N, C-alpha and C. Protein backbone atom coordinates (compact mmCIF):
# COMPACT_ATOMS: atom_id res chain seq x y z
N MET A 1 129.93 143.40 122.35
CA MET A 1 129.17 142.37 121.63
C MET A 1 128.21 141.68 122.59
N ASN A 2 126.92 141.68 122.26
CA ASN A 2 125.96 141.06 123.17
C ASN A 2 126.02 139.54 123.04
N CYS A 3 125.28 138.83 123.95
CA CYS A 3 125.34 137.38 124.00
C CYS A 3 124.86 136.74 122.70
N ARG A 4 123.76 137.30 122.17
CA ARG A 4 123.20 136.70 120.96
C ARG A 4 124.18 136.77 119.81
N THR A 5 124.80 137.97 119.66
CA THR A 5 125.78 138.14 118.58
C THR A 5 126.97 137.23 118.78
N GLN A 6 127.42 137.13 120.05
CA GLN A 6 128.57 136.29 120.36
C GLN A 6 128.27 134.82 120.08
N CYS A 7 127.09 134.38 120.52
CA CYS A 7 126.72 132.97 120.30
C CYS A 7 126.62 132.65 118.82
N ASN A 8 126.00 133.58 118.06
CA ASN A 8 125.87 133.35 116.63
C ASN A 8 127.23 133.28 115.97
N SER A 9 128.14 134.13 116.42
CA SER A 9 129.49 134.13 115.88
C SER A 9 130.19 132.81 116.16
N VAL A 10 130.00 132.32 117.40
CA VAL A 10 130.62 131.05 117.78
C VAL A 10 130.07 129.91 116.93
N ILE A 11 128.74 129.90 116.74
CA ILE A 11 128.11 128.83 115.97
C ILE A 11 128.58 128.87 114.52
N LEU A 12 128.75 130.06 113.95
CA LEU A 12 129.25 130.15 112.58
C LEU A 12 130.65 129.56 112.47
N GLU A 13 131.47 129.83 113.49
CA GLU A 13 132.81 129.27 113.49
C GLU A 13 132.76 127.75 113.62
N ILE A 14 131.85 127.27 114.49
CA ILE A 14 131.72 125.83 114.69
C ILE A 14 131.24 125.16 113.40
N GLU A 15 130.29 125.79 112.71
CA GLU A 15 129.79 125.22 111.46
C GLU A 15 130.92 125.10 110.44
N ALA A 16 131.74 126.13 110.35
CA ALA A 16 132.86 126.08 109.42
C ALA A 16 133.83 124.96 109.79
N THR A 17 134.06 124.80 111.09
CA THR A 17 134.95 123.74 111.55
C THR A 17 134.37 122.37 111.24
N ILE A 18 133.06 122.21 111.48
CA ILE A 18 132.41 120.92 111.22
C ILE A 18 132.44 120.59 109.74
N ASP A 19 132.29 121.61 108.87
CA ASP A 19 132.37 121.36 107.43
C ASP A 19 133.74 120.79 107.07
N MET A 20 134.79 121.38 107.68
CA MET A 20 136.14 120.91 107.40
C MET A 20 136.34 119.50 107.97
N ILE A 21 135.81 119.27 109.17
CA ILE A 21 135.96 117.96 109.81
C ILE A 21 135.24 116.88 109.02
N SER A 22 134.05 117.21 108.53
CA SER A 22 133.28 116.21 107.77
C SER A 22 134.00 115.80 106.50
N TYR A 23 134.90 116.68 106.04
CA TYR A 23 135.65 116.36 104.82
C TYR A 23 136.90 115.54 105.11
N ILE A 24 137.61 115.88 106.20
CA ILE A 24 138.89 115.23 106.46
C ILE A 24 138.87 114.26 107.62
N GLY A 25 137.77 114.26 108.39
CA GLY A 25 137.80 113.50 109.63
C GLY A 25 136.88 112.32 109.71
N LYS A 26 136.43 111.76 108.60
CA LYS A 26 135.50 110.62 108.63
C LYS A 26 136.12 109.46 109.37
N GLY A 27 135.30 108.82 110.22
CA GLY A 27 135.80 107.69 110.98
C GLY A 27 136.40 108.08 112.33
N ARG A 28 136.49 109.42 112.58
CA ARG A 28 137.07 109.86 113.84
C ARG A 28 136.09 110.78 114.57
N THR A 29 134.81 110.53 114.38
CA THR A 29 133.77 111.43 114.90
C THR A 29 133.87 111.61 116.40
N LEU A 30 134.01 110.54 117.17
CA LEU A 30 134.01 110.66 118.63
C LEU A 30 135.21 111.44 119.14
N ALA A 31 136.38 111.20 118.56
CA ALA A 31 137.57 111.93 118.98
C ALA A 31 137.43 113.41 118.66
N ILE A 32 136.89 113.71 117.50
CA ILE A 32 136.68 115.09 117.10
C ILE A 32 135.67 115.76 118.03
N ALA A 33 134.62 115.03 118.35
CA ALA A 33 133.59 115.59 119.22
C ALA A 33 134.18 115.95 120.57
N ALA A 34 135.00 115.09 121.13
CA ALA A 34 135.60 115.35 122.44
C ALA A 34 136.45 116.60 122.39
N ALA A 35 137.24 116.75 121.33
CA ALA A 35 138.11 117.92 121.21
C ALA A 35 137.29 119.20 121.07
N MET A 36 136.24 119.14 120.28
CA MET A 36 135.43 120.33 120.05
C MET A 36 134.65 120.73 121.30
N LEU A 37 134.13 119.74 122.01
CA LEU A 37 133.38 120.05 123.23
C LEU A 37 134.29 120.67 124.29
N ALA A 38 135.55 120.27 124.30
CA ALA A 38 136.48 120.79 125.29
C ALA A 38 136.76 122.27 125.08
N ILE A 39 136.71 122.73 123.81
CA ILE A 39 137.03 124.14 123.55
C ILE A 39 135.78 124.99 123.32
N ALA A 40 134.61 124.38 123.31
CA ALA A 40 133.37 125.14 123.09
C ALA A 40 133.17 126.13 124.23
N PRO A 41 132.98 127.41 123.93
CA PRO A 41 132.93 128.43 124.98
C PRO A 41 131.61 128.54 125.72
N THR A 42 130.51 128.02 125.17
CA THR A 42 129.21 128.18 125.81
C THR A 42 128.45 126.86 125.80
N ALA A 43 127.47 126.75 126.70
CA ALA A 43 126.62 125.56 126.74
C ALA A 43 125.83 125.42 125.45
N ARG A 44 125.42 126.57 124.90
CA ARG A 44 124.66 126.52 123.64
C ARG A 44 125.52 125.95 122.52
N ALA A 45 126.77 126.38 122.47
CA ALA A 45 127.67 125.86 121.45
C ALA A 45 127.90 124.37 121.64
N GLN A 46 128.06 123.95 122.91
CA GLN A 46 128.26 122.53 123.20
C GLN A 46 127.06 121.70 122.76
N ALA A 47 125.86 122.22 123.03
CA ALA A 47 124.65 121.50 122.63
C ALA A 47 124.56 121.39 121.12
N TYR A 48 124.91 122.46 120.43
CA TYR A 48 124.87 122.46 118.97
C TYR A 48 125.85 121.44 118.40
N ILE A 49 127.04 121.43 118.98
CA ILE A 49 128.06 120.47 118.54
C ILE A 49 127.56 119.05 118.76
N GLY A 50 126.93 118.81 119.91
CA GLY A 50 126.43 117.47 120.22
C GLY A 50 125.43 116.99 119.18
N VAL A 51 124.52 117.87 118.77
CA VAL A 51 123.52 117.50 117.78
C VAL A 51 124.17 117.17 116.43
N VAL A 52 125.06 118.07 115.99
CA VAL A 52 125.68 117.88 114.68
C VAL A 52 126.57 116.65 114.66
N VAL A 53 127.36 116.46 115.73
CA VAL A 53 128.23 115.30 115.78
C VAL A 53 127.41 114.01 115.84
N GLY A 54 126.26 114.05 116.53
CA GLY A 54 125.37 112.89 116.56
C GLY A 54 124.88 112.55 115.18
N GLN A 55 124.55 113.58 114.40
CA GLN A 55 124.12 113.35 113.02
C GLN A 55 125.25 112.77 112.18
N MET A 56 126.46 113.27 112.39
CA MET A 56 127.61 112.76 111.66
C MET A 56 127.85 111.29 111.98
N ALA A 57 127.75 110.94 113.27
CA ALA A 57 127.96 109.55 113.68
C ALA A 57 126.91 108.63 113.07
N ALA A 58 125.65 109.10 113.05
CA ALA A 58 124.57 108.29 112.48
C ALA A 58 124.78 108.08 110.99
N GLN A 59 125.25 109.13 110.30
CA GLN A 59 125.50 109.02 108.86
C GLN A 59 126.65 108.04 108.58
N GLU A 60 127.69 108.13 109.41
CA GLU A 60 128.82 107.21 109.25
C GLU A 60 128.38 105.76 109.48
N HIS A 61 127.55 105.55 110.51
CA HIS A 61 127.08 104.20 110.81
C HIS A 61 126.22 103.66 109.67
N ALA A 62 125.32 104.51 109.16
CA ALA A 62 124.46 104.08 108.05
C ALA A 62 125.29 103.77 106.81
N ALA A 63 126.30 104.60 106.54
CA ALA A 63 127.15 104.37 105.37
C ALA A 63 127.93 103.06 105.50
N ALA A 64 128.39 102.78 106.72
CA ALA A 64 129.13 101.54 106.96
C ALA A 64 128.23 100.32 106.76
N LEU A 65 126.99 100.41 107.27
CA LEU A 65 126.05 99.31 107.09
C LEU A 65 125.71 99.10 105.63
N GLU A 66 125.52 100.19 104.89
CA GLU A 66 125.18 100.08 103.47
C GLU A 66 126.33 99.45 102.69
N ALA A 67 127.56 99.88 103.00
CA ALA A 67 128.71 99.31 102.30
C ALA A 67 128.84 97.82 102.58
N ALA A 68 128.63 97.44 103.85
CA ALA A 68 128.72 96.02 104.21
C ALA A 68 127.62 95.22 103.52
N CYS A 69 126.42 95.80 103.48
CA CYS A 69 125.28 95.14 102.84
C CYS A 69 125.57 94.87 101.37
N LYS A 70 126.06 95.88 100.67
CA LYS A 70 126.34 95.74 99.24
C LYS A 70 127.51 94.79 98.99
N ALA A 71 128.37 94.65 100.00
CA ALA A 71 129.51 93.73 99.86
C ALA A 71 129.10 92.30 100.16
N GLY A 72 127.83 92.11 100.54
CA GLY A 72 127.34 90.76 100.78
C GLY A 72 127.19 90.37 102.23
N ALA A 73 127.41 91.31 103.14
CA ALA A 73 127.27 90.99 104.56
C ALA A 73 125.80 90.74 104.89
N PRO A 74 125.49 89.66 105.57
CA PRO A 74 124.08 89.36 105.91
C PRO A 74 123.59 90.24 107.04
N ALA A 75 122.29 90.28 107.22
CA ALA A 75 121.72 90.98 108.37
C ALA A 75 122.13 90.25 109.65
N SER A 76 122.03 90.94 110.77
CA SER A 76 122.41 90.33 112.03
C SER A 76 121.48 89.17 112.37
N GLU A 77 121.95 88.30 113.24
CA GLU A 77 121.14 87.14 113.63
C GLU A 77 119.81 87.58 114.23
N ARG A 78 119.84 88.61 115.05
CA ARG A 78 118.61 89.11 115.65
C ARG A 78 117.66 89.67 114.59
N ALA A 79 118.20 90.41 113.62
CA ALA A 79 117.37 90.97 112.56
C ALA A 79 116.72 89.86 111.74
N VAL A 80 117.46 88.80 111.48
CA VAL A 80 116.92 87.67 110.73
C VAL A 80 115.78 87.01 111.50
N THR A 81 115.98 86.83 112.80
CA THR A 81 114.93 86.22 113.62
C THR A 81 113.66 87.06 113.64
N VAL A 82 113.84 88.37 113.84
CA VAL A 82 112.70 89.29 113.92
C VAL A 82 111.97 89.37 112.59
N LEU A 83 112.70 89.55 111.49
CA LEU A 83 112.04 89.72 110.21
C LEU A 83 111.40 88.43 109.72
N THR A 84 112.02 87.29 110.03
CA THR A 84 111.41 86.02 109.64
C THR A 84 110.08 85.83 110.35
N ALA A 85 110.02 86.18 111.62
CA ALA A 85 108.77 86.09 112.37
C ALA A 85 107.72 87.03 111.77
N ARG A 86 108.15 88.20 111.31
CA ARG A 86 107.22 89.14 110.69
C ARG A 86 106.72 88.60 109.34
N MET A 87 107.58 87.91 108.62
CA MET A 87 107.14 87.28 107.36
C MET A 87 106.07 86.24 107.64
N ASP A 88 106.28 85.45 108.69
CA ASP A 88 105.28 84.43 109.04
C ASP A 88 103.95 85.08 109.42
N ARG A 89 104.01 86.20 110.16
CA ARG A 89 102.76 86.88 110.55
C ARG A 89 102.07 87.47 109.32
N ALA A 90 102.86 88.01 108.40
CA ALA A 90 102.26 88.58 107.18
C ALA A 90 101.58 87.50 106.36
N MET A 91 102.20 86.33 106.26
CA MET A 91 101.59 85.23 105.51
C MET A 91 100.35 84.69 106.23
N ALA A 92 100.40 84.64 107.55
CA ALA A 92 99.22 84.21 108.30
C ALA A 92 98.05 85.16 108.04
N ALA A 93 98.37 86.47 108.00
CA ALA A 93 97.31 87.46 107.72
C ALA A 93 96.77 87.27 106.31
N TYR A 94 97.65 86.96 105.36
CA TYR A 94 97.19 86.73 103.99
C TYR A 94 96.29 85.50 103.91
N PHE A 95 96.72 84.40 104.51
CA PHE A 95 95.96 83.16 104.41
C PHE A 95 94.65 83.22 105.22
N ALA A 96 94.50 84.24 106.05
CA ALA A 96 93.25 84.42 106.78
C ALA A 96 92.20 85.15 105.93
N LEU A 97 92.63 85.72 104.81
CA LEU A 97 91.68 86.41 103.93
C LEU A 97 90.76 85.41 103.24
N THR A 98 89.56 85.86 102.93
CA THR A 98 88.57 85.02 102.25
C THR A 98 87.98 85.80 101.08
N PRO A 99 87.21 85.14 100.22
CA PRO A 99 86.57 85.87 99.12
C PRO A 99 85.67 87.01 99.60
N LYS A 100 85.27 86.97 100.86
CA LYS A 100 84.40 88.02 101.40
C LYS A 100 85.18 89.15 102.06
N SER A 101 86.49 89.04 102.10
CA SER A 101 87.30 90.09 102.73
C SER A 101 87.14 91.41 101.97
N VAL A 102 87.01 92.49 102.68
CA VAL A 102 86.84 93.79 102.05
C VAL A 102 88.17 94.24 101.44
N GLU A 103 88.09 95.12 100.48
CA GLU A 103 89.29 95.57 99.77
C GLU A 103 90.32 96.17 100.73
N HIS A 104 89.84 96.91 101.72
CA HIS A 104 90.76 97.56 102.66
C HIS A 104 91.61 96.52 103.39
N ALA A 105 91.03 95.41 103.76
CA ALA A 105 91.77 94.36 104.47
C ALA A 105 92.85 93.77 103.58
N ILE A 106 92.56 93.64 102.30
CA ILE A 106 93.55 93.11 101.36
C ILE A 106 94.68 94.10 101.16
N MET A 107 94.33 95.35 100.99
CA MET A 107 95.32 96.38 100.70
C MET A 107 96.26 96.64 101.87
N ARG A 108 95.85 96.29 103.08
CA ARG A 108 96.72 96.47 104.24
C ARG A 108 97.84 95.43 104.26
N ILE A 109 97.71 94.38 103.50
CA ILE A 109 98.70 93.31 103.53
C ILE A 109 99.70 93.44 102.38
N PHE A 110 99.29 94.10 101.31
CA PHE A 110 100.17 94.29 100.16
C PHE A 110 100.76 95.70 100.15
N SER A 111 101.95 95.83 99.59
CA SER A 111 102.58 97.14 99.44
C SER A 111 102.02 97.80 98.18
N VAL A 112 100.83 98.36 98.32
CA VAL A 112 100.08 98.81 97.14
C VAL A 112 100.75 99.98 96.41
N LYS A 113 101.65 100.69 97.08
CA LYS A 113 102.31 101.83 96.44
C LYS A 113 103.64 101.45 95.79
N ALA A 114 104.08 100.23 96.00
CA ALA A 114 105.36 99.81 95.43
C ALA A 114 105.23 99.57 93.93
N PRO A 115 106.21 100.01 93.14
CA PRO A 115 106.17 99.74 91.70
C PRO A 115 106.17 98.23 91.44
N GLY A 116 105.29 97.80 90.59
CA GLY A 116 105.29 96.39 90.21
C GLY A 116 104.64 95.44 91.19
N VAL A 117 103.95 95.95 92.21
CA VAL A 117 103.30 95.05 93.16
C VAL A 117 102.32 94.14 92.40
N HIS A 118 102.34 92.83 92.71
CA HIS A 118 101.44 91.95 91.96
C HIS A 118 101.20 90.62 92.67
N TRP A 119 100.16 89.96 92.20
CA TRP A 119 99.84 88.58 92.57
C TRP A 119 99.68 87.83 91.26
N MET A 120 100.28 86.67 91.16
CA MET A 120 100.14 85.93 89.91
C MET A 120 100.19 84.43 90.17
N ASN A 121 99.56 83.69 89.28
CA ASN A 121 99.69 82.24 89.27
C ASN A 121 100.03 81.82 87.85
N ALA A 122 99.97 80.54 87.59
CA ALA A 122 100.37 80.05 86.26
C ALA A 122 99.45 80.56 85.16
N ALA A 123 98.24 80.95 85.53
CA ALA A 123 97.25 81.32 84.51
C ALA A 123 97.15 82.81 84.26
N GLU A 124 97.39 83.63 85.29
CA GLU A 124 97.12 85.06 85.12
C GLU A 124 97.86 85.93 86.13
N LEU A 125 97.93 87.19 85.76
CA LEU A 125 98.43 88.24 86.65
C LEU A 125 97.22 89.03 87.11
N THR A 126 96.99 89.04 88.43
CA THR A 126 95.77 89.62 88.96
C THR A 126 96.06 90.87 89.78
N PRO A 127 95.38 91.99 89.50
CA PRO A 127 95.55 93.18 90.34
C PRO A 127 95.20 92.84 91.79
N VAL A 128 95.94 93.39 92.71
CA VAL A 128 95.77 93.08 94.12
C VAL A 128 94.34 93.36 94.58
N ALA A 129 93.76 94.44 94.09
CA ALA A 129 92.41 94.81 94.52
C ALA A 129 91.34 93.83 94.03
N GLN A 130 91.72 92.93 93.11
CA GLN A 130 90.74 91.99 92.54
C GLN A 130 91.05 90.54 92.91
N LEU A 131 91.65 90.34 94.06
CA LEU A 131 92.08 89.00 94.45
C LEU A 131 90.97 88.11 95.00
N GLY A 132 89.78 88.67 95.22
CA GLY A 132 88.71 87.95 95.91
C GLY A 132 88.60 86.47 95.63
N GLU A 133 88.47 86.10 94.37
CA GLU A 133 88.23 84.69 94.02
C GLU A 133 89.43 83.79 94.33
N HIS A 134 90.60 84.39 94.51
CA HIS A 134 91.80 83.59 94.80
C HIS A 134 92.06 83.42 96.29
N LEU A 135 91.24 84.06 97.11
CA LEU A 135 91.48 84.06 98.55
C LEU A 135 90.69 82.95 99.23
N ASN A 136 91.26 81.78 99.24
CA ASN A 136 90.62 80.63 99.86
C ASN A 136 91.54 80.05 100.93
N PRO A 137 91.26 80.31 102.20
CA PRO A 137 92.13 79.83 103.28
C PRO A 137 92.37 78.33 103.18
N PRO A 138 93.62 77.90 103.23
CA PRO A 138 93.91 76.46 103.15
C PRO A 138 93.44 75.73 104.40
N PRO A 139 93.05 74.47 104.27
CA PRO A 139 92.57 73.72 105.44
C PRO A 139 93.69 73.37 106.43
N ALA A 140 94.91 73.31 105.95
CA ALA A 140 96.04 72.99 106.82
C ALA A 140 96.99 74.19 106.87
N THR A 141 97.71 74.32 107.97
CA THR A 141 98.64 75.44 108.13
C THR A 141 99.75 75.37 107.08
N PRO A 142 99.96 76.46 106.32
CA PRO A 142 101.04 76.47 105.34
C PRO A 142 102.40 76.25 106.03
N VAL A 143 103.32 75.69 105.29
CA VAL A 143 104.65 75.40 105.83
C VAL A 143 105.69 76.27 105.13
N ARG A 144 106.45 77.00 105.93
CA ARG A 144 107.52 77.81 105.35
C ARG A 144 108.67 76.90 104.92
N LEU A 145 109.03 76.98 103.64
CA LEU A 145 110.12 76.17 103.11
C LEU A 145 111.46 76.88 103.24
N SER A 146 111.44 78.20 103.10
CA SER A 146 112.68 78.98 103.22
C SER A 146 112.33 80.43 103.47
N ALA A 147 113.28 81.15 104.02
CA ALA A 147 113.13 82.59 104.23
C ALA A 147 114.53 83.20 104.20
N VAL A 148 114.67 84.26 103.42
CA VAL A 148 115.94 84.97 103.34
C VAL A 148 115.69 86.43 103.67
N VAL A 149 116.44 86.96 104.61
CA VAL A 149 116.31 88.36 105.00
C VAL A 149 117.39 89.16 104.27
N GLY A 150 117.00 90.28 103.69
CA GLY A 150 117.96 91.13 102.98
C GLY A 150 119.02 91.67 103.92
N GLY A 151 120.16 91.98 103.37
CA GLY A 151 121.23 92.57 104.18
C GLY A 151 120.82 93.88 104.81
N ASP A 152 119.80 94.54 104.24
CA ASP A 152 119.31 95.80 104.81
C ASP A 152 118.41 95.58 106.03
N ALA A 153 118.07 94.32 106.32
CA ALA A 153 117.21 93.96 107.46
C ALA A 153 115.83 94.59 107.37
N ARG A 154 115.42 94.98 106.15
CA ARG A 154 114.11 95.60 105.97
C ARG A 154 113.29 94.91 104.87
N SER A 155 113.85 93.89 104.26
CA SER A 155 113.15 93.19 103.19
C SER A 155 113.42 91.71 103.30
N GLY A 156 112.56 90.92 102.68
CA GLY A 156 112.72 89.48 102.78
C GLY A 156 112.09 88.76 101.61
N ARG A 157 112.49 87.50 101.43
CA ARG A 157 111.94 86.66 100.38
C ARG A 157 111.74 85.26 100.97
N GLY A 158 110.69 84.59 100.56
CA GLY A 158 110.47 83.27 101.11
C GLY A 158 109.56 82.41 100.26
N LEU A 159 109.54 81.11 100.58
CA LEU A 159 108.67 80.15 99.92
C LEU A 159 107.80 79.46 100.97
N TRP A 160 106.52 79.28 100.65
CA TRP A 160 105.59 78.58 101.55
C TRP A 160 104.88 77.47 100.78
N SER A 161 104.78 76.32 101.40
CA SER A 161 104.07 75.18 100.81
C SER A 161 102.65 75.16 101.34
N VAL A 162 101.70 75.00 100.42
CA VAL A 162 100.28 75.03 100.79
C VAL A 162 99.57 73.84 100.15
N VAL A 163 98.77 73.17 100.94
CA VAL A 163 97.93 72.08 100.43
C VAL A 163 96.49 72.60 100.40
N PRO A 164 95.94 72.90 99.21
CA PRO A 164 94.59 73.45 99.13
C PRO A 164 93.53 72.40 99.42
N ALA A 165 92.32 72.87 99.59
CA ALA A 165 91.21 71.95 99.86
C ALA A 165 91.01 70.98 98.71
N ALA A 166 91.32 71.42 97.50
CA ALA A 166 91.20 70.55 96.33
C ALA A 166 92.37 70.85 95.39
N GLY A 167 92.88 69.83 94.77
CA GLY A 167 93.96 70.03 93.83
C GLY A 167 95.32 69.69 94.40
N ALA A 168 96.34 69.88 93.58
CA ALA A 168 97.71 69.53 93.95
C ALA A 168 98.32 70.58 94.87
N PRO A 169 99.34 70.20 95.63
CA PRO A 169 100.03 71.16 96.50
C PRO A 169 100.59 72.35 95.70
N LEU A 170 100.64 73.49 96.35
CA LEU A 170 101.12 74.72 95.73
C LEU A 170 102.31 75.28 96.51
N VAL A 171 103.09 76.10 95.84
CA VAL A 171 104.17 76.83 96.50
C VAL A 171 103.97 78.32 96.24
N TYR A 172 104.00 79.09 97.33
CA TYR A 172 103.87 80.55 97.24
C TYR A 172 105.27 81.15 97.38
N ALA A 173 105.71 81.87 96.35
CA ALA A 173 106.97 82.61 96.41
C ALA A 173 106.63 84.07 96.68
N VAL A 174 107.16 84.61 97.76
CA VAL A 174 106.71 85.92 98.22
C VAL A 174 107.90 86.83 98.53
N ASP A 175 107.77 88.10 98.13
CA ASP A 175 108.75 89.14 98.46
C ASP A 175 108.09 90.16 99.38
N PHE A 176 108.85 90.64 100.35
CA PHE A 176 108.31 91.57 101.35
C PHE A 176 109.20 92.81 101.48
N VAL A 177 108.57 93.92 101.86
CA VAL A 177 109.32 95.13 102.23
C VAL A 177 108.69 95.72 103.49
N SER A 178 109.50 96.41 104.28
CA SER A 178 109.00 97.07 105.48
C SER A 178 108.48 98.46 105.14
N GLU A 179 107.37 98.83 105.75
CA GLU A 179 106.78 100.15 105.55
C GLU A 179 106.33 100.70 106.90
N PRO A 180 106.18 102.03 107.00
CA PRO A 180 105.65 102.61 108.25
C PRO A 180 104.29 102.01 108.56
N HIS A 181 103.98 101.84 109.85
CA HIS A 181 102.71 101.20 110.21
C HIS A 181 102.24 101.65 111.58
N GLY A 182 100.99 101.37 111.86
CA GLY A 182 100.40 101.69 113.15
C GLY A 182 100.44 100.50 114.09
N TRP A 183 99.99 100.72 115.31
CA TRP A 183 100.04 99.68 116.34
C TRP A 183 99.17 98.48 116.00
N THR A 184 98.07 98.73 115.26
CA THR A 184 97.13 97.64 114.98
C THR A 184 97.39 96.99 113.62
N ASP A 185 98.50 97.28 113.01
CA ASP A 185 98.80 96.73 111.70
C ASP A 185 98.91 95.21 111.78
N PRO A 186 98.17 94.47 110.95
CA PRO A 186 98.18 93.00 111.04
C PRO A 186 99.50 92.36 110.61
N THR A 187 100.31 93.09 109.85
CA THR A 187 101.57 92.52 109.36
C THR A 187 102.79 93.19 109.98
N ASP A 188 102.60 94.01 111.02
CA ASP A 188 103.73 94.72 111.65
C ASP A 188 104.51 95.55 110.63
N GLY A 189 103.82 96.07 109.63
CA GLY A 189 104.47 96.93 108.65
C GLY A 189 105.21 96.20 107.56
N LEU A 190 105.22 94.86 107.58
CA LEU A 190 105.88 94.11 106.52
C LEU A 190 104.84 93.82 105.45
N ARG A 191 105.04 94.37 104.27
CA ARG A 191 104.05 94.25 103.20
C ARG A 191 104.53 93.31 102.10
N ILE A 192 103.58 92.65 101.48
CA ILE A 192 103.88 91.78 100.34
C ILE A 192 104.00 92.65 99.08
N VAL A 193 105.09 92.47 98.35
CA VAL A 193 105.29 93.20 97.10
C VAL A 193 104.95 92.30 95.92
N HIS A 194 105.44 91.09 95.96
CA HIS A 194 105.17 90.13 94.89
C HIS A 194 104.76 88.80 95.49
N MET A 195 103.74 88.21 94.91
CA MET A 195 103.33 86.86 95.32
C MET A 195 103.08 86.06 94.05
N SER A 196 103.80 84.95 93.94
CA SER A 196 103.65 84.10 92.78
C SER A 196 103.30 82.70 93.25
N VAL A 197 102.20 82.16 92.73
CA VAL A 197 101.69 80.85 93.14
C VAL A 197 101.92 79.85 92.01
N SER A 198 102.56 78.75 92.33
CA SER A 198 102.84 77.75 91.29
C SER A 198 102.65 76.35 91.86
N PRO A 199 102.42 75.36 90.99
CA PRO A 199 102.34 73.98 91.47
C PRO A 199 103.65 73.58 92.14
N ALA A 200 103.56 72.74 93.15
CA ALA A 200 104.78 72.32 93.84
C ALA A 200 105.75 71.65 92.88
N SER A 201 105.23 71.03 91.85
CA SER A 201 106.08 70.35 90.86
C SER A 201 106.89 71.33 90.02
N ALA A 202 106.47 72.62 90.03
CA ALA A 202 107.17 73.64 89.25
C ALA A 202 107.60 74.80 90.14
N ALA A 203 107.90 74.49 91.38
CA ALA A 203 108.25 75.53 92.35
C ALA A 203 109.55 76.23 91.96
N PRO A 204 109.65 77.52 92.24
CA PRO A 204 110.88 78.25 91.93
C PRO A 204 112.03 77.81 92.85
N ALA A 205 113.23 78.20 92.47
CA ALA A 205 114.40 77.86 93.28
C ALA A 205 114.38 78.63 94.59
N GLN A 206 115.09 78.10 95.56
CA GLN A 206 115.21 78.79 96.84
C GLN A 206 115.83 80.17 96.60
N PRO A 207 115.31 81.22 97.24
CA PRO A 207 115.89 82.56 97.04
C PRO A 207 117.30 82.62 97.62
N GLY A 208 118.16 83.40 96.96
CA GLY A 208 119.53 83.56 97.42
C GLY A 208 119.69 84.83 98.25
N ALA A 209 120.90 85.05 98.73
CA ALA A 209 121.19 86.24 99.54
C ALA A 209 121.07 87.50 98.68
N PHE A 210 120.67 88.60 99.29
CA PHE A 210 120.57 89.87 98.59
C PHE A 210 120.70 91.00 99.59
N CYS A 211 120.89 92.20 99.07
CA CYS A 211 121.02 93.38 99.95
C CYS A 211 119.68 94.11 100.04
N HIS A 212 119.26 94.68 98.91
CA HIS A 212 117.98 95.39 98.84
C HIS A 212 117.07 94.69 97.84
N LEU A 213 115.80 94.63 98.14
CA LEU A 213 114.86 93.99 97.23
C LEU A 213 114.76 94.74 95.91
N ASP A 214 114.90 96.07 95.93
CA ASP A 214 114.79 96.83 94.69
C ASP A 214 115.94 96.48 93.74
N ALA A 215 117.10 96.08 94.31
CA ALA A 215 118.22 95.69 93.46
C ALA A 215 117.94 94.34 92.80
N VAL A 216 117.21 93.47 93.51
CA VAL A 216 116.86 92.16 92.95
C VAL A 216 115.94 92.32 91.75
N HIS A 217 114.99 93.23 91.87
CA HIS A 217 113.96 93.36 90.83
C HIS A 217 114.15 94.56 89.91
N GLY A 218 115.07 95.45 90.27
CA GLY A 218 115.35 96.56 89.39
C GLY A 218 114.32 97.67 89.39
N PHE A 219 113.55 97.79 90.48
CA PHE A 219 112.61 98.92 90.51
C PHE A 219 113.04 99.92 91.57
């Protein structure tokens, strides 16, 4: 039997073993990996085991995080700090827009591909691409009233108080999701999904804890 045939035979045996382990050995990935590496006959087999066991460990970790999230576990303190700062940057980018801002600049701040993405106030629901007349930078820096980071550490909800150049104070209720982004992205990949503007006298309630934003809105 040549090397190639032998290696392929070994890998087939390893795959069968891993299938069995993935069924009966959840939660014991590292111990299983150590045992398998000890009996692996070739460096190639050892490398293959390392890759597959790494994937198993990552899947177990992700499953554990998802279960904790759905059970109500909050995001880590560091994740909350990081995502809250990203929410503030996303809102700063939004409030920097003006009626003269080009459509591309607006679309970089909103999650334009998300189902149900919208901007609305008490009078109307406005398509994101047609926000021009509503983009009037406030004379004073908006104040964040609250921010809640999803248990998934990839979404957030918050309220911002704004005093416009004319008229009564407003409250912006905003939902965010993380998306892939480039180095020059003005919002660090955190996009606005929903923005609702209301008079401060009719401001919505503080957002509560949640796991995934799609579960909150059902999309």
